[in-house]
Amino acid sequence: MEESFYDQVFELVRLIPEGRVTSYGAIARSLGSGGSARMVGYAMSNAGLSHPPVPAHRVVNSTGLLTGKFHFSPPEQMEELLQAEGVIVVDNKIKNFKVVFWDPMLEL
């Protein structure tokens, strides 16, 4: 049976190293679906039910904004999880985004 798009996204997100982040668009491009960043976002909003766990807190928008935080309960949990991994967040945005950015196209 062929893997669903969500399953492919979840597998890829599980590869993001601790202390690093990537974007919805980077995930979509690495899966050959460049225009599907929004679908990656939908997948992340459903990641909480996945096993093994999916570190959805490591996926942000293309400028480093924590746009997915409202899918966490409480919303501050996304920032707390990132900071626990050493990622600095200021005003809902990753500081040094280009430094901590993990590009799946280069890593796979």
PDB file of N, CA and C in Angstrom:
ATOM      1  N   MET A   1       0.847  -1.182   0.000  1.00  0.00           N
ATOM      2  CA  MET A   1       0.000   0.000   0.000  1.00  0.00           C
ATOM      3  C   MET A   1       0.897   1.252   0.000  1.00  0.00           C
ATOM      4  N   GLU A   2       0.517   2.236  -0.785  1.00  0.00           N
ATOM      5  CA  GLU A   2       1.291   3.468  -0.891  1.00  0.00           C
ATOM      6  C   GLU A   2       1.069   4.350   0.332  1.00  0.00           C
ATOM      7  N   GLU A   3       2.156   4.987   0.772  1.00  0.00           N
ATOM      8  CA  GLU A   3       2.077   5.881   1.926  1.00  0.00           C
ATOM      9  C   GLU A   3       1.292   7.137   1.585  1.00  0.00           C
ATOM     10  N   SER A   4       0.500   7.610   2.530  1.00  0.00           N
ATOM     11  CA  SER A   4      -0.235   8.846   2.312  1.00  0.00           C
ATOM     12  C   SER A   4       0.719  10.035   2.396  1.00  0.00           C
ATOM     13  N   PHE A   5       0.300  11.167   1.868  1.00  0.00           N
ATOM     14  CA  PHE A   5       1.110  12.389   1.941  1.00  0.00           C
ATOM     15  C   PHE A   5       1.404  12.728   3.394  1.00  0.00           C
ATOM     16  N   TYR A   6       0.402  12.621   4.252  1.00  0.00           N
ATOM     17  CA  TYR A   6       0.605  12.903   5.675  1.00  0.00           C
ATOM     18  C   TYR A   6       1.679  11.994   6.271  1.00  0.00           C
ATOM     19  N   ASP A   7       1.630  10.707   5.944  1.00  0.00           N
ATOM     20  CA  ASP A   7       2.629   9.773   6.464  1.00  0.00           C
ATOM     21  C   ASP A   7       4.032  10.146   5.990  1.00  0.00           C
ATOM     22  N   GLN A   8       4.146  10.568   4.736  1.00  0.00           N
ATOM     23  CA  GLN A   8       5.442  11.000   4.199  1.00  0.00           C
ATOM     24  C   GLN A   8       5.943  12.231   4.950  1.00  0.00           C
ATOM     25  N   VAL A   9       5.039  13.168   5.216  1.00  0.00           N
ATOM     26  CA  VAL A   9       5.394  14.374   5.961  1.00  0.00           C
ATOM     27  C   VAL A   9       5.855  13.993   7.365  1.00  0.00           C
ATOM     28  N   PHE A  10       5.099  13.139   8.029  1.00  0.00           N
ATOM     29  CA  PHE A  10       5.438  12.745   9.393  1.00  0.00           C
ATOM     30  C   PHE A  10       6.816  12.078   9.447  1.00  0.00           C
ATOM     31  N   GLU A  11       7.096  11.199   8.489  1.00  0.00           N
ATOM     32  CA  GLU A  11       8.399  10.533   8.448  1.00  0.00           C
ATOM     33  C   GLU A  11       9.524  11.550   8.303  1.00  0.00           C
ATOM     34  N   LEU A  12       9.335  12.517   7.443  1.00  0.00           N
ATOM     35  CA  LEU A  12      10.356  13.532   7.207  1.00  0.00           C
ATOM     36  C   LEU A  12      10.552  14.408   8.444  1.00  0.00           C
ATOM     37  N   VAL A  13       9.469  14.822   9.070  1.00  0.00           N
ATOM     38  CA  VAL A  13       9.563  15.683  10.252  1.00  0.00           C
ATOM     39  C   VAL A  13      10.273  14.955  11.392  1.00  0.00           C
ATOM     40  N   ARG A  14      10.090  13.658  11.481  1.00  0.00           N
ATOM     41  CA  ARG A  14      10.785  12.884  12.523  1.00  0.00           C
ATOM     42  C   ARG A  14      12.301  12.909  12.339  1.00  0.00           C
ATOM     43  N   LEU A  15      12.780  13.269  11.149  1.00  0.00           N
ATOM     44  CA  LEU A  15      14.217  13.329  10.868  1.00  0.00           C
ATOM     45  C   LEU A  15      14.862  14.659  11.268  1.00  0.00           C
ATOM     46  N   ILE A  16      14.050  15.676  11.545  1.00  0.00           N
ATOM     47  CA  ILE A  16      14.602  16.992  11.902  1.00  0.00           C
ATOM     48  C   ILE A  16      15.356  16.851  13.218  1.00  0.00           C
ATOM     49  N   PRO A  17      16.632  17.202  13.226  1.00  0.00           N
ATOM     50  CA  PRO A  17      17.401  17.055  14.469  1.00  0.00           C
ATOM     51  C   PRO A  17      16.913  18.004  15.566  1.00  0.00           C
ATOM     52  N   GLU A  18      17.093  17.584  16.797  1.00  0.00           N
ATOM     53  CA  GLU A  18      16.776  18.432  17.940  1.00  0.00           C
ATOM     54  C   GLU A  18      17.576  19.727  17.828  1.00  0.00           C
ATOM     55  N   GLY A  19      16.916  20.844  18.116  1.00  0.00           N
ATOM     56  CA  GLY A  19      17.576  22.139  18.045  1.00  0.00           C
ATOM     57  C   GLY A  19      17.606  22.759  16.661  1.00  0.00           C
ATOM     58  N   ARG A  20      16.933  22.130  15.712  1.00  0.00           N
ATOM     59  CA  ARG A  20      16.863  22.640  14.339  1.00  0.00           C
ATOM     60  C   ARG A  20      15.391  22.773  13.954  1.00  0.00           C
ATOM     61  N   VAL A  21      15.117  23.567  12.934  1.00  0.00           N
ATOM     62  CA  VAL A  21      13.758  23.749  12.431  1.00  0.00           C
ATOM     63  C   VAL A  21      13.783  23.717  10.907  1.00  0.00           C
ATOM     64  N   THR A  22      12.621  23.494  10.336  1.00  0.00           N
ATOM     65  CA  THR A  22      12.468  23.603   8.890  1.00  0.00           C
ATOM     66  C   THR A  22      11.127  24.258   8.605  1.00  0.00           C
ATOM     67  N   SER A  23      10.824  24.470   7.335  1.00  0.00           N
ATOM     68  CA  SER A  23       9.581  25.158   6.979  1.00  0.00           C
ATOM     69  C   SER A  23       8.618  24.213   6.264  1.00  0.00           C
ATOM     70  N   TYR A  24       7.368  24.622   6.252  1.00  0.00           N
ATOM     71  CA  TYR A  24       6.338  23.857   5.549  1.00  0.00           C
ATOM     72  C   TYR A  24       6.713  23.688   4.078  1.00  0.00           C
ATOM     73  N   GLY A  25       7.167  24.777   3.462  1.00  0.00           N
ATOM     74  CA  GLY A  25       7.532  24.752   2.046  1.00  0.00           C
ATOM     75  C   GLY A  25       8.715  23.859   1.760  1.00  0.00           C
ATOM     76  N   ALA A  26       9.718  23.868   2.644  1.00  0.00           N
ATOM     77  CA  ALA A  26      10.896  23.008   2.444  1.00  0.00           C
ATOM     78  C   ALA A  26      10.497  21.540   2.485  1.00  0.00           C
ATOM     79  N   ILE A  27       9.589  21.204   3.372  1.00  0.00           N
ATOM     80  CA  ILE A  27       9.106  19.821   3.448  1.00  0.00           C
ATOM     81  C   ILE A  27       8.367  19.470   2.163  1.00  0.00           C
ATOM     82  N   ALA A  28       7.471  20.349   1.727  1.00  0.00           N
ATOM     83  CA  ALA A  28       6.705  20.096   0.498  1.00  0.00           C
ATOM     84  C   ALA A  28       7.642  19.907  -0.699  1.00  0.00           C
ATOM     85  N   ARG A  29       8.623  20.789  -0.846  1.00  0.00           N
ATOM     86  CA  ARG A  29       9.559  20.688  -1.972  1.00  0.00           C
ATOM     87  C   ARG A  29      10.338  19.370  -1.922  1.00  0.00           C
ATOM     88  N   SER A  30      10.772  18.969  -0.740  1.00  0.00           N
ATOM     89  CA  SER A  30      11.566  17.747  -0.635  1.00  0.00           C
ATOM     90  C   SER A  30      10.743  16.507  -0.960  1.00  0.00           C
ATOM     91  N   LEU A  31       9.437  16.610  -0.840  1.00  0.00           N
ATOM     92  CA  LEU A  31       8.551  15.491  -1.178  1.00  0.00           C
ATOM     93  C   LEU A  31       8.049  15.574  -2.620  1.00  0.00           C
ATOM     94  N   GLY A  32       8.565  16.562  -3.375  1.00  0.00           N
ATOM     95  CA  GLY A  32       8.172  16.703  -4.770  1.00  0.00           C
ATOM     96  C   GLY A  32       6.834  17.377  -4.965  1.00  0.00           C
ATOM     97  N   SER A  33       6.371  18.105  -3.939  1.00  0.00           N
ATOM     98  CA  SER A  33       5.081  18.788  -4.004  1.00  0.00           C
ATOM     99  C   SER A  33       5.258  20.255  -3.639  1.00  0.00           C
ATOM    100  N   GLY A  34       6.080  20.962  -4.392  1.00  0.00           N
ATOM    101  CA  GLY A  34       6.453  22.328  -4.074  1.00  0.00           C
ATOM    102  C   GLY A  34       5.322  23.271  -3.729  1.00  0.00           C
ATOM    103  N   GLY A  35       4.158  23.087  -4.324  1.00  0.00           N
ATOM    104  CA  GLY A  35       3.044  23.979  -4.058  1.00  0.00           C
ATOM    105  C   GLY A  35       2.156  23.527  -2.910  1.00  0.00           C
ATOM    106  N   SER A  36       2.613  22.576  -2.131  1.00  0.00           N
ATOM    107  CA  SER A  36       1.755  21.971  -1.113  1.00  0.00           C
ATOM    108  C   SER A  36       2.129  22.335   0.322  1.00  0.00           C
ATOM    109  N   ALA A  37       2.725  23.505   0.519  1.00  0.00           N
ATOM    110  CA  ALA A  37       3.112  23.914   1.873  1.00  0.00           C
ATOM    111  C   ALA A  37       1.899  23.925   2.803  1.00  0.00           C
ATOM    112  N   ARG A  38       0.765  24.356   2.295  1.00  0.00           N
ATOM    113  CA  ARG A  38      -0.446  24.396   3.116  1.00  0.00           C
ATOM    114  C   ARG A  38      -0.873  22.991   3.546  1.00  0.00           C
ATOM    115  N   MET A  39      -0.699  22.027   2.659  1.00  0.00           N
ATOM    116  CA  MET A  39      -1.030  20.637   3.012  1.00  0.00           C
ATOM    117  C   MET A  39      -0.094  20.114   4.105  1.00  0.00           C
ATOM    118  N   VAL A  40       1.173  20.553   4.072  1.00  0.00           N
ATOM    119  CA  VAL A  40       2.106  20.181   5.132  1.00  0.00           C
ATOM    120  C   VAL A  40       1.610  20.761   6.453  1.00  0.00           C
ATOM    121  N   GLY A  41       1.105  22.000   6.405  1.00  0.00           N
ATOM    122  CA  GLY A  41       0.528  22.622   7.593  1.00  0.00           C
ATOM    123  C   GLY A  41      -0.649  21.835   8.129  1.00  0.00           C
ATOM    124  N   TYR A  42      -1.507  21.374   7.232  1.00  0.00           N
ATOM    125  CA  TYR A  42      -2.650  20.556   7.666  1.00  0.00           C
ATOM    126  C   TYR A  42      -2.155  19.260   8.306  1.00  0.00           C
ATOM    127  N   ALA A  43      -1.124  18.672   7.720  1.00  0.00           N
ATOM    128  CA  ALA A  43      -0.563  17.447   8.296  1.00  0.00           C
ATOM    129  C   ALA A  43      -0.044  17.724   9.701  1.00  0.00           C
ATOM    130  N   MET A  44       0.649  18.848   9.879  1.00  0.00           N
ATOM    131  CA  MET A  44       1.195  19.175  11.196  1.00  0.00           C
ATOM    132  C   MET A  44       0.090  19.381  12.223  1.00  0.00           C
ATOM    133  N   SER A  45      -1.038  19.911  11.795  1.00  0.00           N
ATOM    134  CA  SER A  45      -2.142  20.123  12.735  1.00  0.00           C
ATOM    135  C   SER A  45      -2.744  18.793  13.196  1.00  0.00           C
ATOM    136  N   ASN A  46      -2.468  17.728  12.438  1.00  0.00           N
ATOM    137  CA  ASN A  46      -2.952  16.394  12.807  1.00  0.00           C
ATOM    138  C   ASN A  46      -1.855  15.490  13.369  1.00  0.00           C
ATOM    139  N   ALA A  47      -0.673  16.028  13.554  1.00  0.00           N
ATOM    140  CA  ALA A  47       0.478  15.219  13.961  1.00  0.00           C
ATOM    141  C   ALA A  47       0.383  14.731  15.402  1.00  0.00           C
ATOM    142  N   GLY A  48      -0.388  15.398  16.237  1.00  0.00           N
ATOM    143  CA  GLY A  48      -0.464  15.048  17.649  1.00  0.00           C
ATOM    144  C   GLY A  48      -0.966  13.646  17.927  1.00  0.00           C
ATOM    145  N   LEU A  49      -1.655  13.058  16.975  1.00  0.00           N
ATOM    146  CA  LEU A  49      -2.214  11.715  17.168  1.00  0.00           C
ATOM    147  C   LEU A  49      -1.317  10.618  16.621  1.00  0.00           C
ATOM    148  N   SER A  50      -0.194  11.009  16.045  1.00  0.00           N
ATOM    149  CA  SER A  50       0.685  10.065  15.361  1.00  0.00           C
ATOM    150  C   SER A  50       1.611   9.315  16.305  1.00  0.00           C
ATOM    151  N   HIS A  51       1.877   8.064  15.929  1.00  0.00           N
ATOM    152  CA  HIS A  51       2.846   7.246  16.672  1.00  0.00           C
ATOM    153  C   HIS A  51       3.756   6.573  15.666  1.00  0.00           C
ATOM    154  N   PRO A  52       5.080   6.654  15.833  1.00  0.00           N
ATOM    155  CA  PRO A  52       5.749   7.386  16.917  1.00  0.00           C
ATOM    156  C   PRO A  52       5.490   8.882  16.812  1.00  0.00           C
ATOM    157  N   PRO A  53       5.761   9.615  17.908  1.00  0.00           N
ATOM    158  CA  PRO A  53       5.467  11.052  17.930  1.00  0.00           C
ATOM    159  C   PRO A  53       6.176  11.822  16.807  1.00  0.00           C
ATOM    160  N   VAL A  54       5.536  12.897  16.390  1.00  0.00           N
ATOM    161  CA  VAL A  54       6.069  13.782  15.355  1.00  0.00           C
ATOM    162  C   VAL A  54       6.438  15.104  16.031  1.00  0.00           C
ATOM    163  N   PRO A  55       7.693  15.560  15.926  1.00  0.00           N
ATOM    164  CA  PRO A  55       8.090  16.825  16.556  1.00  0.00           C
ATOM    165  C   PRO A  55       7.620  18.032  15.744  1.00  0.00           C
ATOM    166  N   ALA A  56       6.310  18.221  15.705  1.00  0.00           N
ATOM    167  CA  ALA A  56       5.705  19.275  14.886  1.00  0.00           C
ATOM    168  C   ALA A  56       6.175  20.670  15.291  1.00  0.00           C
ATOM    169  N   HIS A  57       6.666  20.827  16.510  1.00  0.00           N
ATOM    170  CA  HIS A  57       7.139  22.134  16.955  1.00  0.00           C
ATOM    171  C   HIS A  57       8.351  22.605  16.161  1.00  0.00           C
ATOM    172  N   ARG A  58       8.996  21.713  15.428  1.00  0.00           N
ATOM    173  CA  ARG A  58      10.183  22.064  14.641  1.00  0.00           C
ATOM    174  C   ARG A  58       9.841  22.538  13.235  1.00  0.00           C
ATOM    175  N   VAL A  59       8.560  22.694  12.937  1.00  0.00           N
ATOM    176  CA  VAL A  59       8.137  23.144  11.608  1.00  0.00           C
ATOM    177  C   VAL A  59       7.486  24.514  11.739  1.00  0.00           C
ATOM    178  N   VAL A  60       8.047  25.489  11.020  1.00  0.00           N
ATOM    179  CA  VAL A  60       7.602  26.885  11.091  1.00  0.00           C
ATOM    180  C   VAL A  60       7.390  27.412   9.670  1.00  0.00           C
ATOM    181  N   ASN A  61       6.977  28.670   9.564  1.00  0.00           N
ATOM    182  CA  ASN A  61       6.783  29.184   8.206  1.00  0.00           C
ATOM    183  C   ASN A  61       8.124  29.614   7.603  1.00  0.00           C
ATOM    184  N   SER A  62       8.099  30.078   6.376  1.00  0.00           N
ATOM    185  CA  SER A  62       9.333  30.340   5.629  1.00  0.00           C
ATOM    186  C   SER A  62      10.171  31.494   6.169  1.00  0.00           C
ATOM    187  N   THR A  63       9.613  32.286   7.080  1.00  0.00           N
ATOM    188  CA  THR A  63      10.394  33.365   7.688  1.00  0.00           C
ATOM    189  C   THR A  63      10.748  33.058   9.143  1.00  0.00           C
ATOM    190  N   GLY A  64      10.359  31.875   9.614  1.00  0.00           N
ATOM    191  CA  GLY A  64      10.673  31.486  10.984  1.00  0.00           C
ATOM    192  C   GLY A  64       9.591  31.789  11.999  1.00  0.00           C
ATOM    193  N   LEU A  65       8.421  32.227  11.541  1.00  0.00           N
ATOM    194  CA  LEU A  65       7.317  32.506  12.457  1.00  0.00           C
ATOM    195  C   LEU A  65       6.669  31.209  12.947  1.00  0.00           C
ATOM    196  N   LEU A  66       6.258  31.219  14.207  1.00  0.00           N
ATOM    197  CA  LEU A  66       5.593  30.051  14.802  1.00  0.00           C
ATOM    198  C   LEU A  66       4.112  30.063  14.456  1.00  0.00           C
ATOM    199  N   THR A  67       3.798  29.943  13.178  1.00  0.00           N
ATOM    200  CA  THR A  67       2.412  30.033  12.722  1.00  0.00           C
ATOM    201  C   THR A  67       1.576  28.841  13.161  1.00  0.00           C
ATOM    202  N   GLY A  68       2.207  27.724  13.520  1.00  0.00           N
ATOM    203  CA  GLY A  68       1.460  26.541  13.933  1.00  0.00           C
ATOM    204  C   GLY A  68       1.181  26.472  15.418  1.00  0.00           C
ATOM    205  N   LYS A  69       1.547  27.507  16.159  1.00  0.00           N
ATOM    206  CA  LYS A  69       1.443  27.430  17.620  1.00  0.00           C
ATOM    207  C   LYS A  69       0.020  27.236  18.125  1.00  0.00           C
ATOM    208  N   PHE A  70      -0.965  27.624  17.344  1.00  0.00           N
ATOM    209  CA  PHE A  70      -2.351  27.511  17.800  1.00  0.00           C
ATOM    210  C   PHE A  70      -2.861  26.072  17.756  1.00  0.00           C
ATOM    211  N   HIS A  71      -2.037  25.169  17.211  1.00  0.00           N
ATOM    212  CA  HIS A  71      -2.394  23.756  17.216  1.00  0.00           C
ATOM    213  C   HIS A  71      -1.807  23.037  18.431  1.00  0.00           C
ATOM    214  N   PHE A  72      -1.138  23.802  19.284  1.00  0.00           N
ATOM    215  CA  PHE A  72      -0.588  23.258  20.525  1.00  0.00           C
ATOM    216  C   PHE A  72      -1.478  23.697  21.678  1.00  0.00           C
ATOM    217  N   SER A  73      -1.489  22.922  22.726  1.00  0.00           N
ATOM    218  CA  SER A  73      -2.312  23.276  23.878  1.00  0.00           C
ATOM    219  C   SER A  73      -1.466  23.217  25.145  1.00  0.00           C
ATOM    220  N   PRO A  74      -1.191  24.389  25.714  1.00  0.00           N
ATOM    221  CA  PRO A  74      -1.539  25.736  25.269  1.00  0.00           C
ATOM    222  C   PRO A  74      -0.637  26.169  24.102  1.00  0.00           C
ATOM    223  N   PRO A  75      -0.999  27.231  23.376  1.00  0.00           N
ATOM    224  CA  PRO A  75      -0.215  27.691  22.229  1.00  0.00           C
ATOM    225  C   PRO A  75       1.250  27.987  22.567  1.00  0.00           C
ATOM    226  N   GLU A  76       1.530  28.354  23.805  1.00  0.00           N
ATOM    227  CA  GLU A  76       2.904  28.661  24.218  1.00  0.00           C
ATOM    228  C   GLU A  76       3.794  27.417  24.228  1.00  0.00           C
ATOM    229  N   GLN A  77       3.187  26.247  24.182  1.00  0.00           N
ATOM    230  CA  GLN A  77       3.946  25.004  24.242  1.00  0.00           C
ATOM    231  C   GLN A  77       4.929  24.872  23.075  1.00  0.00           C
ATOM    232  N   MET A  78       4.566  25.351  21.902  1.00  0.00           N
ATOM    233  CA  MET A  78       5.471  25.252  20.751  1.00  0.00           C
ATOM    234  C   MET A  78       6.774  25.986  21.047  1.00  0.00           C
ATOM    235  N   GLU A  79       6.666  27.220  21.520  1.00  0.00           N
ATOM    236  CA  GLU A  79       7.853  27.999  21.852  1.00  0.00           C
ATOM    237  C   GLU A  79       8.642  27.337  22.985  1.00  0.00           C
ATOM    238  N   GLU A  80       7.943  26.833  23.984  1.00  0.00           N
ATOM    239  CA  GLU A  80       8.616  26.183  25.112  1.00  0.00           C
ATOM    240  C   GLU A  80       9.409  24.951  24.664  1.00  0.00           C
ATOM    241  N   LEU A  81       8.835  24.155  23.776  1.00  0.00           N
ATOM    242  CA  LEU A  81       9.526  22.970  23.277  1.00  0.00           C
ATOM    243  C   LEU A  81      10.775  23.359  22.487  1.00  0.00           C
ATOM    244  N   LEU A  82      10.659  24.393  21.667  1.00  0.00           N
ATOM    245  CA  LEU A  82      11.815  24.859  20.892  1.00  0.00           C
ATOM    246  C   LEU A  82      12.909  25.385  21.818  1.00  0.00           C
ATOM    247  N   GLN A  83      12.520  26.196  22.787  1.00  0.00           N
ATOM    248  CA  GLN A  83      13.510  26.760  23.695  1.00  0.00           C
ATOM    249  C   GLN A  83      14.188  25.673  24.529  1.00  0.00           C
ATOM    250  N   ALA A  84      13.464  24.626  24.871  1.00  0.00           N
ATOM    251  CA  ALA A  84      14.051  23.512  25.615  1.00  0.00           C
ATOM    252  C   ALA A  84      15.135  22.811  24.792  1.00  0.00           C
ATOM    253  N   GLU A  85      15.068  22.960  23.461  1.00  0.00           N
ATOM    254  CA  GLU A  85      16.064  22.376  22.566  1.00  0.00           C
ATOM    255  C   GLU A  85      17.166  23.376  22.215  1.00  0.00           C
ATOM    256  N   GLY A  86      17.105  24.575  22.803  1.00  0.00           N
ATOM    257  CA  GLY A  86      18.134  25.574  22.556  1.00  0.00           C
ATOM    258  C   GLY A  86      17.836  26.533  21.420  1.00  0.00           C
ATOM    259  N   VAL A  87      16.630  26.454  20.844  1.00  0.00           N
ATOM    260  CA  VAL A  87      16.235  27.368  19.770  1.00  0.00           C
ATOM    261  C   VAL A  87      15.708  28.646  20.409  1.00  0.00           C
ATOM    262  N   ILE A  88      16.254  29.776  20.008  1.00  0.00           N
ATOM    263  CA  ILE A  88      15.847  31.058  20.584  1.00  0.00           C
ATOM    264  C   ILE A  88      14.665  31.613  19.802  1.00  0.00           C
ATOM    265  N   VAL A  89      13.603  31.949  20.536  1.00  0.00           N
ATOM    266  CA  VAL A  89      12.393  32.509  19.936  1.00  0.00           C
ATOM    267  C   VAL A  89      12.149  33.876  20.544  1.00  0.00           C
ATOM    268  N   VAL A  90      11.977  34.886  19.681  1.00  0.00           N
ATOM    269  CA  VAL A  90      11.683  36.247  20.120  1.00  0.00           C
ATOM    270  C   VAL A  90      10.446  36.719  19.361  1.00  0.00           C
ATOM    271  N   ASP A  91       9.418  37.122  20.099  1.00  0.00           N
ATOM    272  CA  ASP A  91       8.168  37.597  19.486  1.00  0.00           C
ATOM    273  C   ASP A  91       7.612  36.600  18.463  1.00  0.00           C
ATOM    274  N   ASN A  92       7.521  35.332  18.867  1.00  0.00           N
ATOM    275  CA  ASN A  92       6.955  34.266  18.023  1.00  0.00           C
ATOM    276  C   ASN A  92       7.750  33.990  16.753  1.00  0.00           C
ATOM    277  N   LYS A  93       9.033  34.362  16.726  1.00  0.00           N
ATOM    278  CA  LYS A  93       9.859  34.155  15.543  1.00  0.00           C
ATOM    279  C   LYS A  93      11.207  33.570  15.956  1.00  0.00           C
ATOM    280  N   ILE A  94      11.699  32.620  15.157  1.00  0.00           N
ATOM    281  CA  ILE A  94      12.992  31.989  15.425  1.00  0.00           C
ATOM    282  C   ILE A  94      14.103  33.013  15.187  1.00  0.00           C
ATOM    283  N   LYS A  95      14.935  33.194  16.201  1.00  0.00           N
ATOM    284  CA  LYS A  95      16.106  34.060  16.038  1.00  0.00           C
ATOM    285  C   LYS A  95      17.186  33.212  15.366  1.00  0.00           C
ATOM    286  N   ASN A  96      17.974  33.826  14.505  1.00  0.00           N
ATOM    287  CA  ASN A  96      19.006  33.100  13.750  1.00  0.00           C
ATOM    288  C   ASN A  96      18.389  31.964  12.931  1.00  0.00           C
ATOM    289  N   PHE A  97      17.254  32.266  12.305  1.00  0.00           N
ATOM    290  CA  PHE A  97      16.513  31.250  11.552  1.00  0.00           C
ATOM    291  C   PHE A  97      17.400  30.531  10.533  1.00  0.00           C
ATOM    292  N   LYS A  98      18.206  31.286   9.782  1.00  0.00           N
ATOM    293  CA  LYS A  98      19.039  30.662   8.746  1.00  0.00           C
ATOM    294  C   LYS A  98      20.088  29.731   9.345  1.00  0.00           C
ATOM    295  N   VAL A  99      20.506  30.011  10.581  1.00  0.00           N
ATOM    296  CA  VAL A  99      21.519  29.177  11.244  1.00  0.00           C
ATOM    297  C   VAL A  99      20.924  27.852  11.709  1.00  0.00           C
ATOM    298  N   VAL A 100      19.710  27.881  12.248  1.00  0.00           N
ATOM    299  CA  VAL A 100      19.097  26.649  12.778  1.00  0.00           C
ATOM    300  C   VAL A 100      18.216  25.941  11.751  1.00  0.00           C
ATOM    301  N   PHE A 101      18.104  26.512  10.550  1.00  0.00           N
ATOM    302  CA  PHE A 101      17.259  25.922   9.507  1.00  0.00           C
ATOM    303  C   PHE A 101      17.860  24.604   9.016  1.00  0.00           C
ATOM    304  N   TRP A 102      17.026  23.575   8.965  1.00  0.00           N
ATOM    305  CA  TRP A 102      17.402  22.263   8.448  1.00  0.00           C
ATOM    306  C   TRP A 102      16.727  22.080   7.110  1.00  0.00           C
ATOM    307  N   ASP A 103      17.504  21.965   6.053  1.00  0.00           N
ATOM    308  CA  ASP A 103      16.952  21.825   4.711  1.00  0.00           C
ATOM    309  C   ASP A 103      16.900  20.347   4.329  1.00  0.00           C
ATOM    310  N   PRO A 104      15.701  19.780   4.270  1.00  0.00           N
ATOM    311  CA  PRO A 104      15.598  18.351   3.956  1.00  0.00           C
ATOM    312  C   PRO A 104      16.176  17.999   2.589  1.00  0.00           C
ATOM    313  N   MET A 105      16.208  18.932   1.652  1.00  0.00           N
ATOM    314  CA  MET A 105      16.760  18.658   0.322  1.00  0.00           C
ATOM    315  C   MET A 105      18.264  18.400   0.410  1.00  0.00           C
ATOM    316  N   LEU A 106      18.926  19.034   1.347  1.00  0.00           N
ATOM    317  CA  LEU A 106      20.370  18.864   1.500  1.00  0.00           C
ATOM    318  C   LEU A 106      20.726  17.696   2.396  1.00  0.00           C
ATOM    319  N   GLU A 107      19.783  17.299   3.245  1.00  0.00           N
ATOM    320  CA  GLU A 107      20.068  16.280   4.257  1.00  0.00           C
ATOM    321  C   GLU A 107      19.675  14.879   3.809  1.00  0.00           C
ATOM    322  N   LEU A 108      18.821  14.776   2.817  1.00  0.00           N
ATOM    323  CA  LEU A 108      18.327  13.444   2.418  1.00  0.00           C
ATOM    324  C   LEU A 108      19.072  12.918   1.202  1.00  0.00           C
TER     325      LEU A 108
END
